[in-house]
Amino acid sequence: MEEYSNEKPATQSSGSENIHLPLALLAFAFAIFLFAQISSLGQNGRTMRWQTENLDRQTGSLVESEKNLGNLIKQRETLVAQSQQVQARYTEMLTDLINLADTDADARSVVDKYKIQRQQNQQAAPAAEATPSPTP
């Protein structure tokens, strides 16, 4: 007769042993995914800090440039006033020369040679130049 044995052959394995390997691989893949996400967040944090530092530097530079611009405008105001005074003197001198050209031949020759003329809106032009036009 045949002997009955309770032993299972060594080649057969139970179902619970077969599931451990895929679960381990799945857990390992999930751990790699989490590590990649954490390292990405760290890189994003470093980038944000760098951008914030650059923004602070640029803001400081802009404030300093604005102060320098204000100082330059104040320095140029005196030059603009001087140039307006010189322009007014030349206008007076040339107006006198044109008036003198009516009676003096030498003044007439200078006016004709350099083609000196009066502007039609002589009074309106200096008033318009004195008020600065707004720039967009």
N, C-alpha and C. Protein backbone atom coordinates (compact mmCIF):
# COMPACT_ATOMS: atom_id res chain seq x y z
N MET A 1 0.78 -1.15 0.00
CA MET A 1 0.00 0.00 0.00
C MET A 1 0.86 1.26 0.00
N GLU A 2 0.18 2.21 -0.33
CA GLU A 2 0.90 3.48 -0.40
C GLU A 2 0.89 4.14 0.96
N GLU A 3 1.97 4.76 1.15
CA GLU A 3 2.06 5.47 2.43
C GLU A 3 1.51 6.88 2.27
N TYR A 4 0.82 7.24 3.25
CA TYR A 4 0.25 8.58 3.25
C TYR A 4 1.19 9.48 4.02
N SER A 5 1.56 10.61 3.38
CA SER A 5 2.43 11.53 4.10
C SER A 5 1.79 12.90 4.09
N ASN A 6 1.98 13.58 5.15
CA ASN A 6 1.41 14.89 5.37
C ASN A 6 2.33 16.00 4.84
N GLU A 7 3.42 15.65 4.39
CA GLU A 7 4.39 16.66 3.95
C GLU A 7 4.03 17.16 2.56
N LYS A 8 4.32 18.42 2.37
CA LYS A 8 4.09 19.01 1.06
C LYS A 8 5.43 19.04 0.32
N PRO A 9 5.39 18.95 -0.94
CA PRO A 9 6.65 18.99 -1.66
C PRO A 9 7.31 20.37 -1.50
N ALA A 10 8.61 20.43 -1.60
CA ALA A 10 9.38 21.66 -1.39
C ALA A 10 9.15 22.66 -2.50
N THR A 11 8.71 22.23 -3.63
CA THR A 11 8.53 23.13 -4.76
C THR A 11 7.27 23.98 -4.64
N GLN A 12 6.31 23.57 -3.89
CA GLN A 12 5.09 24.34 -3.72
C GLN A 12 5.29 25.35 -2.59
N SER A 13 4.75 26.58 -2.80
CA SER A 13 4.80 27.58 -1.74
C SER A 13 3.40 28.08 -1.50
N SER A 14 3.21 28.59 -0.33
CA SER A 14 1.87 29.06 0.02
C SER A 14 1.60 30.41 -0.65
N GLY A 15 0.34 30.83 -0.70
CA GLY A 15 -0.07 32.09 -1.32
C GLY A 15 0.44 33.30 -0.58
N SER A 16 0.62 33.21 0.73
CA SER A 16 1.08 34.37 1.49
C SER A 16 2.56 34.66 1.22
N GLU A 17 3.32 33.67 0.87
CA GLU A 17 4.72 33.89 0.55
C GLU A 17 4.88 34.58 -0.80
N ASN A 18 4.01 34.35 -1.73
CA ASN A 18 4.10 34.94 -3.06
C ASN A 18 3.73 36.42 -3.07
N ILE A 19 2.98 36.90 -2.14
CA ILE A 19 2.51 38.28 -2.13
C ILE A 19 3.52 39.24 -1.49
N HIS A 20 4.47 38.73 -0.75
CA HIS A 20 5.43 39.60 -0.06
C HIS A 20 6.35 40.33 -1.03
N LEU A 21 6.79 39.70 -2.05
CA LEU A 21 7.71 40.32 -3.00
C LEU A 21 7.05 41.49 -3.74
N PRO A 22 5.85 41.37 -4.32
CA PRO A 22 5.23 42.53 -4.97
C PRO A 22 4.92 43.67 -3.99
N LEU A 23 4.51 43.34 -2.77
CA LEU A 23 4.26 44.39 -1.79
C LEU A 23 5.55 45.12 -1.42
N ALA A 24 6.64 44.38 -1.31
CA ALA A 24 7.92 45.01 -1.00
C ALA A 24 8.35 45.92 -2.14
N LEU A 25 8.19 45.49 -3.38
CA LEU A 25 8.53 46.32 -4.53
C LEU A 25 7.65 47.56 -4.60
N LEU A 26 6.37 47.39 -4.32
CA LEU A 26 5.45 48.53 -4.31
C LEU A 26 5.82 49.52 -3.21
N ALA A 27 6.16 49.04 -2.04
CA ALA A 27 6.57 49.92 -0.94
C ALA A 27 7.87 50.64 -1.28
N PHE A 28 8.79 49.94 -1.93
CA PHE A 28 10.06 50.56 -2.33
C PHE A 28 9.83 51.65 -3.37
N ALA A 29 8.95 51.41 -4.32
CA ALA A 29 8.62 52.41 -5.34
C ALA A 29 7.96 53.63 -4.70
N PHE A 30 7.07 53.39 -3.75
CA PHE A 30 6.41 54.50 -3.06
C PHE A 30 7.42 55.31 -2.25
N ALA A 31 8.38 54.65 -1.64
CA ALA A 31 9.42 55.36 -0.87
C ALA A 31 10.27 56.22 -1.80
N ILE A 32 10.60 55.70 -2.98
CA ILE A 32 11.37 56.50 -3.96
C ILE A 32 10.55 57.70 -4.41
N PHE A 33 9.27 57.51 -4.65
CA PHE A 33 8.40 58.62 -5.04
C PHE A 33 8.36 59.70 -3.96
N LEU A 34 8.20 59.28 -2.71
CA LEU A 34 8.17 60.26 -1.61
C LEU A 34 9.50 60.99 -1.48
N PHE A 35 10.62 60.27 -1.65
CA PHE A 35 11.93 60.90 -1.59
C PHE A 35 12.08 61.94 -2.70
N ALA A 36 11.61 61.62 -3.90
CA ALA A 36 11.68 62.57 -5.01
C ALA A 36 10.83 63.80 -4.72
N GLN A 37 9.66 63.62 -4.15
CA GLN A 37 8.80 64.76 -3.83
C GLN A 37 9.43 65.65 -2.76
N ILE A 38 10.02 65.05 -1.75
CA ILE A 38 10.65 65.81 -0.67
C ILE A 38 11.84 66.58 -1.19
N SER A 39 12.66 65.94 -2.02
CA SER A 39 13.82 66.66 -2.56
C SER A 39 13.38 67.78 -3.51
N SER A 40 12.30 67.58 -4.24
CA SER A 40 11.77 68.63 -5.11
C SER A 40 11.27 69.82 -4.29
N LEU A 41 10.60 69.54 -3.18
CA LEU A 41 10.15 70.62 -2.31
C LEU A 41 11.33 71.40 -1.73
N GLY A 42 12.39 70.69 -1.39
CA GLY A 42 13.58 71.37 -0.88
C GLY A 42 14.20 72.28 -1.93
N GLN A 43 14.27 71.82 -3.17
CA GLN A 43 14.81 72.64 -4.26
C GLN A 43 13.92 73.85 -4.51
N ASN A 44 12.60 73.66 -4.46
CA ASN A 44 11.67 74.78 -4.64
C ASN A 44 11.84 75.81 -3.53
N GLY A 45 12.07 75.35 -2.31
CA GLY A 45 12.29 76.28 -1.19
C GLY A 45 13.55 77.09 -1.39
N ARG A 46 14.63 76.43 -1.85
CA ARG A 46 15.88 77.17 -2.10
C ARG A 46 15.69 78.19 -3.22
N THR A 47 14.95 77.83 -4.24
CA THR A 47 14.70 78.75 -5.35
C THR A 47 13.87 79.95 -4.87
N MET A 48 12.88 79.71 -4.05
CA MET A 48 12.06 80.81 -3.53
C MET A 48 12.88 81.74 -2.65
N ARG A 49 13.77 81.20 -1.82
CA ARG A 49 14.63 82.06 -0.99
C ARG A 49 15.55 82.90 -1.87
N TRP A 50 16.11 82.30 -2.92
CA TRP A 50 16.98 83.03 -3.83
C TRP A 50 16.21 84.16 -4.53
N GLN A 51 14.99 83.87 -4.97
CA GLN A 51 14.18 84.89 -5.62
C GLN A 51 13.82 86.01 -4.65
N THR A 52 13.53 85.68 -3.42
CA THR A 52 13.21 86.70 -2.42
C THR A 52 14.41 87.59 -2.14
N GLU A 53 15.60 86.99 -2.04
CA GLU A 53 16.81 87.80 -1.83
C GLU A 53 17.06 88.71 -3.01
N ASN A 54 16.89 88.22 -4.22
CA ASN A 54 17.06 89.06 -5.40
C ASN A 54 16.04 90.18 -5.44
N LEU A 55 14.82 89.90 -5.06
CA LEU A 55 13.78 90.93 -5.02
C LEU A 55 14.15 92.02 -4.02
N ASP A 56 14.65 91.63 -2.86
CA ASP A 56 15.06 92.61 -1.86
C ASP A 56 16.20 93.49 -2.39
N ARG A 57 17.18 92.86 -3.05
CA ARG A 57 18.29 93.64 -3.62
C ARG A 57 17.80 94.59 -4.69
N GLN A 58 16.92 94.13 -5.56
CA GLN A 58 16.41 94.98 -6.63
C GLN A 58 15.56 96.12 -6.08
N THR A 59 14.80 95.85 -5.03
CA THR A 59 14.00 96.91 -4.41
C THR A 59 14.90 97.98 -3.81
N GLY A 60 15.96 97.56 -3.13
CA GLY A 60 16.91 98.52 -2.57
C GLY A 60 17.58 99.33 -3.66
N SER A 61 17.95 98.68 -4.74
CA SER A 61 18.58 99.38 -5.86
C SER A 61 17.62 100.38 -6.49
N LEU A 62 16.36 100.00 -6.61
CA LEU A 62 15.36 100.90 -7.18
C LEU A 62 15.15 102.12 -6.30
N VAL A 63 15.10 101.93 -4.99
CA VAL A 63 14.93 103.06 -4.07
C VAL A 63 16.12 104.00 -4.17
N GLU A 64 17.32 103.44 -4.23
CA GLU A 64 18.53 104.27 -4.34
C GLU A 64 18.55 105.02 -5.67
N SER A 65 18.15 104.35 -6.75
CA SER A 65 18.10 105.01 -8.06
C SER A 65 17.08 106.14 -8.07
N GLU A 66 15.96 105.93 -7.38
CA GLU A 66 14.94 106.98 -7.33
C GLU A 66 15.46 108.21 -6.58
N LYS A 67 16.22 107.98 -5.50
CA LYS A 67 16.81 109.10 -4.76
C LYS A 67 17.81 109.84 -5.64
N ASN A 68 18.63 109.08 -6.39
CA ASN A 68 19.61 109.71 -7.28
C ASN A 68 18.92 110.52 -8.36
N LEU A 69 17.81 110.00 -8.87
CA LEU A 69 17.06 110.72 -9.89
C LEU A 69 16.53 112.04 -9.34
N GLY A 70 16.01 112.02 -8.13
CA GLY A 70 15.52 113.26 -7.51
C GLY A 70 16.64 114.28 -7.35
N ASN A 71 17.83 113.81 -6.94
CA ASN A 71 18.97 114.73 -6.80
C ASN A 71 19.39 115.30 -8.15
N LEU A 72 19.39 114.47 -9.18
CA LEU A 72 19.77 114.96 -10.51
C LEU A 72 18.77 115.97 -11.04
N ILE A 73 17.49 115.74 -10.77
CA ILE A 73 16.47 116.70 -11.22
C ILE A 73 16.69 118.05 -10.53
N LYS A 74 16.99 118.02 -9.23
CA LYS A 74 17.24 119.27 -8.52
C LYS A 74 18.48 119.98 -9.06
N GLN A 75 19.51 119.22 -9.42
CA GLN A 75 20.72 119.83 -9.97
C GLN A 75 20.44 120.44 -11.34
N ARG A 76 19.61 119.79 -12.12
CA ARG A 76 19.34 120.28 -13.48
C ARG A 76 18.38 121.48 -13.49
N GLU A 77 17.60 121.66 -12.43
CA GLU A 77 16.66 122.78 -12.41
C GLU A 77 17.38 124.12 -12.54
N THR A 78 18.54 124.25 -11.90
CA THR A 78 19.29 125.50 -12.01
C THR A 78 19.80 125.70 -13.43
N LEU A 79 20.24 124.62 -14.07
CA LEU A 79 20.72 124.74 -15.45
C LEU A 79 19.59 125.12 -16.40
N VAL A 80 18.40 124.56 -16.17
CA VAL A 80 17.25 124.90 -17.00
C VAL A 80 16.88 126.36 -16.82
N ALA A 81 16.91 126.83 -15.58
CA ALA A 81 16.59 128.24 -15.33
C ALA A 81 17.61 129.16 -16.01
N GLN A 82 18.88 128.79 -15.94
CA GLN A 82 19.92 129.59 -16.60
C GLN A 82 19.72 129.59 -18.11
N SER A 83 19.40 128.46 -18.68
CA SER A 83 19.21 128.40 -20.14
C SER A 83 17.98 129.21 -20.56
N GLN A 84 16.95 129.23 -19.73
CA GLN A 84 15.78 130.04 -20.05
C GLN A 84 16.12 131.53 -20.00
N GLN A 85 16.96 131.92 -19.05
CA GLN A 85 17.39 133.32 -18.97
C GLN A 85 18.22 133.69 -20.19
N VAL A 86 19.14 132.82 -20.60
CA VAL A 86 19.96 133.09 -21.78
C VAL A 86 19.08 133.17 -23.02
N GLN A 87 18.11 132.28 -23.13
CA GLN A 87 17.21 132.31 -24.28
C GLN A 87 16.41 133.61 -24.30
N ALA A 88 15.97 134.06 -23.15
CA ALA A 88 15.21 135.32 -23.08
C ALA A 88 16.10 136.50 -23.50
N ARG A 89 17.37 136.49 -23.09
CA ARG A 89 18.28 137.58 -23.47
C ARG A 89 18.53 137.58 -24.98
N TYR A 90 18.76 136.39 -25.55
CA TYR A 90 18.97 136.33 -27.00
C TYR A 90 17.71 136.77 -27.75
N THR A 91 16.56 136.41 -27.26
CA THR A 91 15.31 136.82 -27.90
C THR A 91 15.17 138.33 -27.86
N GLU A 92 15.48 138.94 -26.72
CA GLU A 92 15.42 140.40 -26.60
C GLU A 92 16.42 141.06 -27.55
N MET A 93 17.63 140.49 -27.60
CA MET A 93 18.67 141.08 -28.45
C MET A 93 18.28 140.98 -29.93
N LEU A 94 17.76 139.85 -30.35
CA LEU A 94 17.38 139.70 -31.75
C LEU A 94 16.15 140.53 -32.09
N THR A 95 15.25 140.70 -31.12
CA THR A 95 14.10 141.58 -31.35
C THR A 95 14.57 143.02 -31.53
N ASP A 96 15.52 143.44 -30.69
CA ASP A 96 16.09 144.79 -30.85
C ASP A 96 16.79 144.93 -32.20
N LEU A 97 17.48 143.87 -32.64
CA LEU A 97 18.17 143.91 -33.93
C LEU A 97 17.17 144.04 -35.06
N ILE A 98 16.05 143.32 -34.98
CA ILE A 98 15.02 143.42 -36.02
C ILE A 98 14.42 144.83 -36.02
N ASN A 99 14.18 145.39 -34.84
CA ASN A 99 13.64 146.76 -34.77
C ASN A 99 14.64 147.76 -35.31
N LEU A 100 15.92 147.54 -35.05
CA LEU A 100 16.97 148.44 -35.53
C LEU A 100 17.15 148.32 -37.04
N ALA A 101 16.82 147.17 -37.60
CA ALA A 101 16.98 146.95 -39.04
C ALA A 101 16.06 147.86 -39.84
N ASP A 102 15.02 148.39 -39.24
CA ASP A 102 14.13 149.31 -39.95
C ASP A 102 14.84 150.62 -40.26
N THR A 103 15.80 151.01 -39.41
CA THR A 103 16.46 152.31 -39.59
C THR A 103 17.93 152.19 -39.95
N ASP A 104 18.57 151.08 -39.71
CA ASP A 104 20.01 150.95 -39.90
C ASP A 104 20.29 149.94 -41.02
N ALA A 105 21.15 150.32 -41.96
CA ALA A 105 21.47 149.46 -43.10
C ALA A 105 22.33 148.27 -42.66
N ASP A 106 23.25 148.50 -41.71
CA ASP A 106 24.09 147.39 -41.23
C ASP A 106 23.24 146.33 -40.52
N ALA A 107 22.31 146.76 -39.71
CA ALA A 107 21.42 145.82 -39.02
C ALA A 107 20.56 145.07 -40.04
N ARG A 108 20.11 145.80 -41.10
CA ARG A 108 19.32 145.16 -42.16
C ARG A 108 20.14 144.08 -42.85
N SER A 109 21.45 144.34 -43.10
CA SER A 109 22.28 143.34 -43.77
C SER A 109 22.48 142.10 -42.89
N VAL A 110 22.62 142.29 -41.59
CA VAL A 110 22.76 141.14 -40.67
C VAL A 110 21.47 140.32 -40.64
N VAL A 111 20.32 141.01 -40.57
CA VAL A 111 19.04 140.31 -40.54
C VAL A 111 18.83 139.54 -41.84
N ASP A 112 19.19 140.15 -42.98
CA ASP A 112 19.03 139.47 -44.27
C ASP A 112 20.01 138.32 -44.42
N LYS A 113 21.25 138.51 -43.97
CA LYS A 113 22.28 137.48 -44.11
C LYS A 113 21.92 136.23 -43.33
N TYR A 114 21.49 136.40 -42.09
CA TYR A 114 21.18 135.25 -41.22
C TYR A 114 19.69 134.90 -41.21
N LYS A 115 18.91 135.60 -42.01
CA LYS A 115 17.47 135.35 -42.16
C LYS A 115 16.76 135.31 -40.81
N ILE A 116 16.97 136.33 -40.02
CA ILE A 116 16.37 136.44 -38.69
C ILE A 116 14.93 136.91 -38.86
N GLN A 117 14.00 136.20 -38.20
CA GLN A 117 12.58 136.55 -38.30
C GLN A 117 11.96 136.51 -36.92
N ARG A 118 10.82 137.16 -36.80
CA ARG A 118 10.05 137.08 -35.56
C ARG A 118 9.12 135.88 -35.64
N GLN A 119 8.93 135.25 -34.50
CA GLN A 119 7.94 134.17 -34.45
C GLN A 119 6.57 134.80 -34.36
N GLN A 120 5.58 134.12 -34.94
CA GLN A 120 4.22 134.65 -34.93
C GLN A 120 3.64 134.68 -33.53
N ASN A 121 3.91 133.65 -32.74
CA ASN A 121 3.38 133.58 -31.37
C ASN A 121 4.53 133.73 -30.38
N GLN A 122 5.20 134.87 -30.45
CA GLN A 122 6.38 135.10 -29.63
C GLN A 122 6.05 135.13 -28.14
N GLN A 123 4.91 135.65 -27.75
CA GLN A 123 4.55 135.71 -26.34
C GLN A 123 4.04 134.35 -25.83
N ALA A 124 3.41 133.57 -26.69
CA ALA A 124 2.84 132.29 -26.26
C ALA A 124 3.93 131.22 -26.13
N ALA A 125 5.00 131.32 -26.92
CA ALA A 125 6.04 130.28 -26.91
C ALA A 125 6.79 130.21 -25.57
N PRO A 126 7.26 131.34 -25.00
CA PRO A 126 7.97 131.22 -23.72
C PRO A 126 7.06 130.72 -22.60
N ALA A 127 5.79 131.09 -22.62
CA ALA A 127 4.87 130.63 -21.56
C ALA A 127 4.64 129.12 -21.69
N ALA A 128 4.58 128.63 -22.92
CA ALA A 128 4.38 127.19 -23.11
C ALA A 128 5.63 126.41 -22.73
N GLU A 129 6.81 126.97 -22.96
CA GLU A 129 8.04 126.27 -22.61
C GLU A 129 8.27 126.25 -21.11
N ALA A 130 7.77 127.25 -20.40
CA ALA A 130 8.00 127.35 -18.96
C ALA A 130 7.23 126.27 -18.20
N THR A 131 6.08 125.87 -18.72
CA THR A 131 5.30 124.83 -18.04
C THR A 131 5.67 123.49 -18.68
N PRO A 132 6.21 122.56 -17.87
CA PRO A 132 6.60 121.27 -18.43
C PRO A 132 5.38 120.43 -18.81
N SER A 133 5.49 119.74 -19.92
CA SER A 133 4.40 118.89 -20.33
C SER A 133 4.48 117.57 -19.60
N PRO A 134 3.35 117.00 -19.21
CA PRO A 134 3.38 115.72 -18.49
C PRO A 134 3.82 114.61 -19.42
N THR A 135 4.63 113.70 -18.89
CA THR A 135 5.08 112.56 -19.68
C THR A 135 4.36 111.31 -19.20
N PRO A 136 3.93 110.48 -20.12
CA PRO A 136 3.20 109.27 -19.71
C PRO A 136 4.13 108.26 -19.09
